[in-house]
Amino acid sequence: MSDVVAADNLRKSYTLGDETIHALSGVSLRVEAGRFEAIMGASGSGKTTLLHLIGGLDLPDGGTVHVAGQNVSVMSDRERTLFRRRRMGVVFQAYNLLPSLSALENIMLPLLIDGQSYSDIRPRADELIARVHLTNRIHHRPSAMSGGEQQRVAIARALINRPELVLADEPTGNLDPQSSLEVRRLLRELTRQLKTTVVMVTHEAGAAADADRIHVLKDGRLTGTIELEGGGDAARVAAGYAKLAG
């Protein structure tokens, strides 16, 4: 299989006052097409920085990131924005839905912004709303939906453009345990059905257990991987993580 993500020797530092923080120090990883992979680490380990570099939300100080064969790290701001809109999907912890729009309108928004017509997009949006089990909430605004329902809308929005890569940044971080389980399983199920690739950042062993592989980060460096092939459990992940991040 070809690599959807190919990151090589990524380095990223930030300056806070007189202190330089090395968020990433020579990180390299590969993610093959059709995989569900997690990046796991404690707060400050560099996992969100790595996700942002993969998604072109930030640029590395050194190294390169290729997504679907394209060198994201040398694109202009506009090129990265268009590439992300057309070939990636992003699911955030905070949902990032527009409060004035309905579930349907939030899902359709990326393609509407890209200039596609409502009539062309609507069938795809209806299909995704059915897949995330929200047909009866199609005209509800975010304020009228639970956190789990809002995150399912966000997942459908991330898939509307048939992306080659979905990035999920702590997608269950704001949810109760039952909603968290439902969203994790739905995300995995949909990406399998729709044949896309997922890279998810999490600090939760339960969330990471749904992945095929977990990349463990500590202090800006990859310390190893945990191979699960979708068949792990939280206890096994926690034990593997403790060994690699201890």
Protein backbone atom coordinates (compact mmCIF):
# COMPACT_ATOMS: atom_id res chain seq x y z
CA MET A 1 0.00 0.00 0.00
CA SER A 2 1.11 3.58 -0.62
CA ASP A 3 1.78 6.01 2.21
CA VAL A 4 -0.88 8.69 2.66
CA VAL A 5 1.33 10.38 5.28
CA ALA A 6 5.11 10.50 5.02
CA ALA A 7 6.76 12.73 7.64
CA ASP A 8 10.54 12.92 7.75
CA ASN A 9 12.76 14.37 10.48
CA LEU A 10 10.21 16.97 11.61
CA ARG A 11 11.49 19.65 13.94
CA LYS A 12 9.48 22.44 15.52
CA SER A 13 10.39 24.88 18.31
CA TYR A 14 8.56 27.72 20.00
CA THR A 15 9.90 30.63 22.02
CA LEU A 16 8.17 31.61 25.25
CA GLY A 17 9.90 34.58 26.79
CA ASP A 18 13.52 33.58 27.26
CA GLU A 19 12.77 29.87 26.90
CA THR A 20 12.91 27.78 23.73
CA ILE A 21 10.56 24.81 23.72
CA HIS A 22 11.44 21.99 21.36
CA ALA A 23 7.98 20.62 20.53
CA LEU A 24 9.31 18.10 17.97
CA SER A 25 12.88 16.89 17.64
CA GLY A 26 13.36 14.80 14.51
CA VAL A 27 10.07 12.92 14.22
CA SER A 28 9.50 10.57 11.26
CA LEU A 29 6.50 8.35 10.61
CA ARG A 30 4.54 6.68 7.84
CA VAL A 31 0.81 5.99 7.60
CA GLU A 32 -0.41 3.68 4.85
CA ALA A 33 -3.66 4.20 2.96
CA GLY A 34 -6.74 2.82 4.67
CA ARG A 35 -5.20 2.73 8.15
CA PHE A 36 -6.60 4.06 11.42
CA GLU A 37 -3.59 5.22 13.43
CA ALA A 38 -3.27 7.12 16.69
CA ILE A 39 -0.64 9.46 18.09
CA MET A 40 -0.56 9.13 21.86
CA GLY A 41 1.30 11.16 24.43
CA ALA A 42 1.00 13.24 27.57
CA SER A 43 0.24 16.95 27.52
CA GLY A 44 3.26 18.74 26.07
CA SER A 45 4.61 15.68 24.26
CA GLY A 46 4.21 17.30 20.84
CA LYS A 47 1.29 15.25 19.54
CA THR A 48 -0.93 18.20 18.58
CA THR A 49 2.04 19.98 16.99
CA LEU A 50 2.68 16.87 14.89
CA LEU A 51 -0.97 16.72 13.82
CA HIS A 52 -0.89 20.41 12.86
CA LEU A 53 2.20 19.88 10.72
CA ILE A 54 0.61 16.92 8.95
CA GLY A 55 -2.50 18.99 8.28
CA GLY A 56 -0.60 22.04 7.07
CA LEU A 57 -2.01 24.13 9.92
CA ASP A 58 1.58 25.01 10.80
CA LEU A 59 4.97 24.67 9.10
CA PRO A 60 8.00 22.77 10.41
CA ASP A 61 11.32 24.41 11.21
CA GLY A 62 12.95 21.45 9.50
CA GLY A 63 11.99 18.24 7.75
CA THR A 64 9.15 17.54 5.35
CA VAL A 65 5.55 16.33 5.34
CA HIS A 66 4.01 14.62 2.32
CA VAL A 67 0.28 13.93 2.25
CA ALA A 68 -1.10 11.89 -0.64
CA GLY A 69 2.20 12.47 -2.44
CA GLN A 70 2.13 16.27 -2.05
CA ASN A 71 4.77 18.16 -0.07
CA VAL A 72 2.58 20.14 2.31
CA SER A 73 5.55 21.75 4.04
CA VAL A 74 6.51 23.83 0.97
CA MET A 75 3.02 25.01 0.02
CA SER A 76 1.90 28.61 0.44
CA ASP A 77 -0.82 29.43 2.99
CA ARG A 78 -3.46 29.50 0.26
CA GLU A 79 -2.25 26.24 -1.30
CA ARG A 80 -2.37 24.51 2.08
CA THR A 81 -5.86 25.86 2.79
CA LEU A 82 -7.19 24.60 -0.54
CA PHE A 83 -5.41 21.26 -0.20
CA ARG A 84 -6.86 20.75 3.26
CA ARG A 85 -10.37 21.73 2.15
CA ARG A 86 -10.36 19.45 -0.89
CA ARG A 87 -8.34 16.42 0.20
CA MET A 88 -8.44 16.29 4.00
CA GLY A 89 -11.05 16.27 6.74
CA VAL A 90 -10.49 17.57 10.26
CA VAL A 91 -12.38 16.67 13.44
CA PHE A 92 -11.67 18.91 16.43
CA GLN A 93 -12.24 18.31 20.13
CA ALA A 94 -14.48 21.40 20.34
CA TYR A 95 -16.65 20.41 17.32
CA ASN A 96 -16.20 23.87 15.65
CA LEU A 97 -19.74 23.97 14.27
CA LEU A 98 -21.23 27.31 13.29
CA PRO A 99 -24.02 28.00 15.80
CA SER A 100 -26.26 29.78 13.30
CA LEU A 101 -26.31 26.84 10.86
CA SER A 102 -28.28 23.60 10.99
CA ALA A 103 -26.64 20.18 11.07
CA LEU A 104 -27.19 19.88 7.31
CA GLU A 105 -25.72 23.31 6.59
CA ASN A 106 -22.66 22.69 8.78
CA ILE A 107 -21.97 19.43 6.94
CA MET A 108 -22.30 21.03 3.52
CA LEU A 109 -20.29 24.16 4.37
CA PRO A 110 -16.79 23.07 3.17
CA LEU A 111 -18.05 22.31 -0.34
CA LEU A 112 -20.27 25.39 -0.46
CA ILE A 113 -17.23 27.52 0.40
CA ASP A 114 -15.37 25.72 -2.37
CA GLY A 115 -17.98 26.93 -4.89
CA GLN A 116 -19.99 23.76 -5.40
CA SER A 117 -23.74 24.00 -5.81
CA TYR A 118 -26.27 23.12 -3.11
CA SER A 119 -28.05 20.69 -5.41
CA ASP A 120 -24.82 18.81 -6.16
CA ILE A 121 -23.82 18.56 -2.51
CA ARG A 122 -27.19 17.71 -0.94
CA PRO A 123 -27.30 13.98 -1.88
CA ARG A 124 -23.84 13.41 -0.38
CA ALA A 125 -24.84 15.32 2.78
CA ASP A 126 -28.04 13.28 3.13
CA GLU A 127 -26.03 10.06 2.79
CA LEU A 128 -23.60 11.11 5.52
CA ILE A 129 -26.35 12.30 7.87
CA ALA A 130 -27.90 8.85 7.58
CA ARG A 131 -24.53 7.19 8.20
CA VAL A 132 -24.02 9.15 11.43
CA HIS A 133 -27.60 8.36 12.49
CA LEU A 134 -28.84 11.96 12.63
CA THR A 135 -31.58 12.02 9.99
CA ASN A 136 -34.05 13.22 12.60
CA ARG A 137 -31.74 16.10 13.60
CA ILE A 138 -31.03 17.41 10.12
CA HIS A 139 -32.49 20.89 10.73
CA HIS A 140 -31.35 21.28 14.34
CA ARG A 141 -28.73 23.85 15.26
CA PRO A 142 -25.80 22.87 17.49
CA SER A 143 -27.41 24.35 20.62
CA ALA A 144 -30.26 21.85 20.26
CA MET A 145 -27.93 18.84 20.04
CA SER A 146 -25.92 16.89 22.60
CA GLY A 147 -22.13 16.87 22.52
CA GLY A 148 -22.09 13.42 20.95
CA GLU A 149 -24.54 14.52 18.24
CA GLN A 150 -22.47 17.62 17.50
CA GLN A 151 -19.34 15.51 17.12
CA ARG A 152 -21.17 13.18 14.74
CA VAL A 153 -22.09 16.24 12.65
CA ALA A 154 -18.41 17.24 12.71
CA ILE A 155 -17.41 13.76 11.50
CA ALA A 156 -19.90 13.96 8.63
CA ARG A 157 -18.54 17.40 7.73
CA ALA A 158 -14.99 16.02 7.70
CA LEU A 159 -16.07 13.30 5.24
CA ILE A 160 -18.16 15.44 2.88
CA ASN A 161 -15.26 16.02 0.47
CA ARG A 162 -14.33 12.32 0.25
CA PRO A 163 -10.92 13.00 1.85
CA GLU A 164 -7.87 10.84 1.51
CA LEU A 165 -6.93 11.70 5.10
CA VAL A 166 -8.96 12.55 8.20
CA LEU A 167 -7.19 14.19 11.12
CA ALA A 168 -8.91 13.87 14.51
CA ASP A 169 -7.64 16.03 17.37
CA GLU A 170 -8.84 14.52 20.69
CA PRO A 171 -12.29 13.88 19.11
CA THR A 172 -13.75 12.39 22.30
CA GLY A 173 -12.12 14.75 24.78
CA ASN A 174 -15.35 16.66 25.57
CA LEU A 175 -17.69 13.66 25.67
CA ASP A 176 -19.09 11.43 28.39
CA PRO A 177 -17.91 7.78 28.33
CA GLN A 178 -20.90 6.42 26.39
CA SER A 179 -20.84 9.19 23.77
CA SER A 180 -17.07 8.79 23.52
CA LEU A 181 -17.43 5.09 22.76
CA GLU A 182 -20.14 5.74 20.15
CA VAL A 183 -18.11 8.44 18.38
CA ARG A 184 -14.91 6.36 18.34
CA ARG A 185 -16.61 3.33 16.90
CA LEU A 186 -18.52 5.43 14.37
CA LEU A 187 -15.36 7.15 13.19
CA ARG A 188 -13.61 3.83 12.71
CA GLU A 189 -16.61 2.24 11.01
CA LEU A 190 -17.14 5.12 8.58
CA THR A 191 -13.52 5.42 7.56
CA ARG A 192 -13.46 1.68 6.86
CA GLN A 193 -16.65 1.87 4.79
CA LEU A 194 -15.56 4.99 2.90
CA LYS A 195 -11.95 3.79 2.48
CA THR A 196 -10.17 6.79 3.91
CA THR A 197 -7.23 7.08 6.31
CA VAL A 198 -7.37 8.43 9.88
CA VAL A 199 -4.68 9.89 12.11
CA MET A 200 -6.05 10.60 15.58
CA VAL A 201 -4.38 12.38 18.49
CA THR A 202 -5.41 11.19 21.94
CA HIS A 203 -4.15 10.72 25.48
CA GLU A 204 -6.86 8.16 26.29
CA ALA A 205 -5.97 4.46 26.21
CA GLY A 206 -9.58 3.55 25.46
CA ALA A 207 -9.72 5.80 22.42
CA ALA A 208 -6.35 4.64 21.10
CA ALA A 209 -7.41 0.99 21.42
CA ASP A 210 -9.53 1.31 18.27
CA ALA A 211 -6.46 2.08 16.16
CA ASP A 212 -4.43 -0.28 13.99
CA ARG A 213 -1.21 1.24 15.32
CA ILE A 214 -0.29 3.74 18.01
CA HIS A 215 2.70 6.06 17.71
CA VAL A 216 3.93 7.05 21.17
CA LEU A 217 5.43 10.52 21.65
CA LYS A 218 7.44 11.72 24.62
CA ASP A 219 9.17 15.09 24.89
CA GLY A 220 8.95 15.68 21.15
CA ARG A 221 10.35 12.32 20.09
CA LEU A 222 8.76 9.07 18.92
CA THR A 223 9.65 6.37 21.42
CA GLY A 224 7.98 3.45 19.65
CA THR A 225 4.76 1.97 18.32
CA ILE A 226 2.06 -0.34 19.60
CA GLU A 227 0.64 -2.67 16.96
CA LEU A 228 -3.05 -3.46 17.47
CA GLU A 229 -4.67 -3.99 14.05
CA GLY A 230 -7.96 -2.76 15.51
CA GLY A 231 -8.05 -5.51 18.10
CA GLY A 232 -6.64 -3.88 21.20
CA ASP A 233 -8.14 -3.03 24.56
CA ALA A 234 -7.55 -0.17 26.98
CA ALA A 235 -5.54 -2.28 29.44
CA ARG A 236 -3.17 -3.52 26.74
CA VAL A 237 -2.72 0.00 25.36
CA ALA A 238 -2.10 1.44 28.81
CA ALA A 239 0.55 -1.20 29.54
CA GLY A 240 2.28 -0.66 26.19
CA TYR A 241 2.16 3.10 26.59
CA ALA A 242 3.61 2.96 30.10
CA LYS A 243 6.55 0.94 28.79
CA LEU A 244 7.26 3.33 25.89
CA ALA A 245 6.58 6.63 27.66
CA GLY A 246 7.88 5.77 31.10
